[in-house]
Amino acid sequence: MPPNKAILKEQLNQLSKKELVDIVLKLAGKRYNYEFLLVNFLDKDGGEQTLFEEAKEAIDKLVEKEFKGRTIQHQLAKRLNACTKRISEFTVETKNKKLEADLVLYVLEKQFANPAKVFGARFSGYDYKVGLLLKRLISLITKKLHPDYLIDYQEKLNEFLHKLHHTSNRINTIYDLPEMIE
């Protein structure tokens, strides 16, 4: 049951400033609370950009990390899962669709920087996960962002779509993706 806001507000008004500062410091010790404070109160202008840069650094660390797996595709699929999880954590706090699209594009660029032969493996699931992430990016750009942003992403999207359709068209998720974005 959610707390009654009127009662909570009255109780908070009765606390001294020192007690309120102590409460805020205690809550800010948790990462999500700190991110909330940063974006909404401490740095309204640059807080989202700061979190974006932190997320990019975390993704870079994940890309360098070794993941277990029988084949390179299994390892890449696990790495992609970890990167997608980090993107989801970022979007919970910021709600900025443009920065989310930039972060998804950043992860996809890292995936397509791998040699083309990593795509097309029959049983790894890696192609499917890349296809899902690309589908998420296409959905963000075409449905959530202003149409003017499509111009910024169009060339990269078409390049990614071409590579995926060329190597992994047997997967329904990739087969259902458009051939190109116009």
Protein backbone atom coordinates (compact mmCIF):
# COMPACT_ATOMS: atom_id res chain seq x y z
CA MET A 1 0.00 0.00 0.00
CA PRO A 2 1.52 3.36 -0.99
CA PRO A 3 2.14 5.82 1.83
CA ASN A 4 -0.21 8.73 2.29
CA LYS A 5 1.68 11.73 0.87
CA ALA A 6 -0.01 14.24 3.14
CA ILE A 7 1.05 12.35 6.27
CA LEU A 8 4.57 11.88 4.91
CA LYS A 9 4.86 15.58 4.05
CA GLU A 10 3.70 16.55 7.54
CA GLN A 11 6.22 14.19 9.16
CA LEU A 12 9.05 15.51 6.96
CA ASN A 13 8.18 19.10 7.87
CA GLN A 14 8.66 18.21 11.54
CA LEU A 15 12.25 17.01 10.96
CA SER A 16 15.19 19.35 11.41
CA LYS A 17 17.40 20.34 8.49
CA LYS A 18 20.25 18.18 9.82
CA GLU A 19 17.98 15.14 9.98
CA LEU A 20 16.79 15.78 6.41
CA VAL A 21 20.39 16.08 5.19
CA ASP A 22 21.25 12.81 6.94
CA ILE A 23 18.29 11.09 5.27
CA VAL A 24 19.25 12.39 1.83
CA LEU A 25 22.88 11.32 2.29
CA LYS A 26 21.80 7.87 3.44
CA LEU A 27 19.49 7.47 0.44
CA ALA A 28 22.10 8.84 -1.99
CA GLY A 29 24.39 5.99 -0.98
CA LYS A 30 22.34 3.71 -3.21
CA ARG A 31 23.15 4.07 -6.91
CA TYR A 32 19.60 4.47 -8.19
CA ASN A 33 18.73 7.06 -5.56
CA TYR A 34 21.89 9.00 -6.39
CA GLU A 35 21.03 8.95 -10.10
CA PHE A 36 17.52 10.17 -9.31
CA LEU A 37 18.89 13.03 -7.20
CA LEU A 38 21.46 13.90 -9.85
CA VAL A 39 18.98 14.05 -12.72
CA ASN A 40 16.09 15.72 -10.88
CA PHE A 41 17.71 18.00 -8.30
CA LEU A 42 21.49 18.32 -8.21
CA ASP A 43 22.33 18.77 -11.90
CA LYS A 44 19.14 19.22 -13.90
CA ASP A 45 20.96 20.41 -17.03
CA GLY A 46 23.90 18.02 -17.25
CA GLY A 47 22.80 15.11 -15.07
CA GLU A 48 21.47 13.01 -17.93
CA GLN A 49 24.63 13.61 -19.96
CA THR A 50 26.75 12.58 -16.96
CA LEU A 51 24.78 9.35 -16.60
CA PHE A 52 25.11 8.78 -20.36
CA GLU A 53 28.90 9.06 -20.17
CA GLU A 54 28.96 6.72 -17.16
CA ALA A 55 26.83 4.20 -19.06
CA LYS A 56 29.18 4.37 -22.06
CA GLU A 57 32.16 3.73 -19.79
CA ALA A 58 30.36 0.78 -18.20
CA ILE A 59 29.60 -0.63 -21.65
CA ASP A 60 33.25 -0.22 -22.66
CA LYS A 61 34.25 -2.22 -19.58
CA LEU A 62 31.71 -4.91 -20.46
CA VAL A 63 33.08 -5.12 -24.00
CA GLU A 64 36.59 -5.69 -22.66
CA LYS A 65 35.43 -8.30 -20.13
CA GLU A 66 35.77 -12.00 -20.96
CA PHE A 67 32.52 -13.97 -20.89
CA LYS A 68 32.26 -17.75 -20.73
CA GLY A 69 30.82 -19.68 -23.63
CA ARG A 70 31.53 -22.61 -25.90
CA THR A 71 31.85 -20.48 -29.02
CA ILE A 72 32.64 -16.87 -29.74
CA GLN A 73 28.97 -16.30 -30.59
CA HIS A 74 27.86 -17.55 -27.16
CA GLN A 75 30.35 -15.22 -25.50
CA LEU A 76 29.18 -12.31 -27.63
CA ALA A 77 25.54 -13.09 -26.83
CA LYS A 78 26.28 -12.98 -23.10
CA ARG A 79 28.20 -9.72 -23.54
CA LEU A 80 25.28 -8.27 -25.49
CA ASN A 81 22.87 -9.32 -22.72
CA ALA A 82 25.00 -7.47 -20.16
CA CYS A 83 25.13 -4.36 -22.36
CA THR A 84 21.37 -4.45 -22.88
CA LYS A 85 20.86 -4.71 -19.14
CA ARG A 86 23.04 -1.63 -18.64
CA ILE A 87 21.02 0.28 -21.25
CA SER A 88 17.81 -0.66 -19.41
CA GLU A 89 19.26 0.61 -16.13
CA PHE A 90 20.14 3.88 -17.85
CA THR A 91 16.66 4.35 -19.30
CA VAL A 92 14.96 3.76 -15.94
CA GLU A 93 16.51 6.93 -14.56
CA THR A 94 16.71 9.30 -17.52
CA LYS A 95 13.64 8.74 -19.70
CA ASN A 96 15.54 10.59 -22.47
CA LYS A 97 14.79 8.69 -25.68
CA LYS A 98 17.50 10.47 -27.69
CA LEU A 99 20.23 9.42 -25.25
CA GLU A 100 18.78 5.91 -25.11
CA ALA A 101 18.94 5.71 -28.91
CA ASP A 102 22.55 6.95 -28.84
CA LEU A 103 23.46 4.30 -26.28
CA VAL A 104 21.78 1.51 -28.26
CA LEU A 105 23.56 2.72 -31.40
CA TYR A 106 26.86 2.71 -29.49
CA VAL A 107 26.34 -0.92 -28.46
CA LEU A 108 25.34 -1.92 -31.98
CA GLU A 109 28.43 -0.24 -33.43
CA LYS A 110 30.52 -2.34 -31.05
CA GLN A 111 28.74 -5.49 -32.26
CA PHE A 112 29.13 -4.71 -35.95
CA ALA A 113 32.81 -3.87 -35.44
CA ASN A 114 33.32 -7.62 -35.02
CA PRO A 115 34.25 -9.62 -38.14
CA ALA A 116 31.29 -10.51 -40.37
CA LYS A 117 31.89 -14.22 -39.84
CA VAL A 118 30.56 -14.06 -36.25
CA PHE A 119 27.12 -13.55 -37.77
CA GLY A 120 25.30 -16.44 -39.34
CA ALA A 121 26.09 -19.14 -36.79
CA ARG A 122 23.20 -21.57 -36.62
CA PHE A 123 22.69 -22.17 -32.90
CA SER A 124 24.17 -19.29 -30.95
CA GLY A 125 21.30 -16.84 -30.59
CA TYR A 126 23.71 -13.95 -31.09
CA ASP A 127 22.19 -12.86 -34.39
CA TYR A 128 18.74 -12.95 -32.82
CA LYS A 129 19.82 -10.72 -29.93
CA VAL A 130 21.51 -8.24 -32.28
CA GLY A 131 18.32 -8.25 -34.36
CA LEU A 132 16.22 -7.50 -31.28
CA LEU A 133 18.48 -4.62 -30.30
CA LEU A 134 18.37 -3.24 -33.84
CA LYS A 135 14.57 -3.56 -33.81
CA ARG A 136 14.52 -1.61 -30.53
CA LEU A 137 16.63 1.15 -32.08
CA ILE A 138 14.41 1.34 -35.17
CA SER A 139 11.33 1.53 -32.94
CA LEU A 140 12.88 4.29 -30.83
CA ILE A 141 13.86 6.37 -33.83
CA THR A 142 10.69 5.96 -35.87
CA LYS A 143 8.08 6.06 -33.09
CA LYS A 144 9.50 7.85 -30.04
CA LEU A 145 11.76 10.52 -31.52
CA HIS A 146 11.04 13.45 -33.81
CA PRO A 147 11.25 12.49 -37.51
CA ASP A 148 14.21 14.86 -37.99
CA TYR A 149 16.40 12.49 -35.95
CA LEU A 150 15.91 9.79 -38.57
CA ILE A 151 18.36 11.59 -40.85
CA ASP A 152 21.09 11.32 -38.20
CA TYR A 153 20.67 7.56 -37.79
CA GLN A 154 19.54 6.48 -41.25
CA GLU A 155 22.94 5.66 -42.78
CA LYS A 156 24.08 3.52 -39.83
CA LEU A 157 20.72 1.75 -39.58
CA ASN A 158 20.75 0.84 -43.27
CA GLU A 159 24.33 -0.43 -42.98
CA PHE A 160 23.39 -2.63 -40.00
CA LEU A 161 20.24 -3.89 -41.72
CA HIS A 162 22.18 -4.79 -44.86
CA LYS A 163 24.78 -6.76 -42.89
CA LEU A 164 22.17 -8.63 -40.87
CA HIS A 165 19.99 -9.47 -43.87
CA HIS A 166 23.06 -10.61 -45.78
CA THR A 167 24.24 -13.02 -43.06
CA SER A 168 21.22 -14.00 -40.94
CA ASN A 169 18.06 -13.71 -43.01
CA ARG A 170 16.90 -17.19 -41.96
CA ILE A 171 15.96 -15.87 -38.48
CA ASN A 172 12.35 -14.66 -38.39
CA THR A 173 13.15 -11.60 -36.29
CA ILE A 174 15.75 -10.44 -38.80
CA TYR A 175 13.66 -11.48 -41.79
CA ASP A 176 10.81 -9.30 -40.48
CA LEU A 177 13.06 -6.24 -40.17
CA PRO A 178 12.85 -3.79 -43.07
CA GLU A 179 15.47 -4.02 -45.80
CA MET A 180 16.25 -0.35 -45.34
CA ILE A 181 14.94 2.73 -43.54
CA GLU A 182 13.80 5.66 -45.66
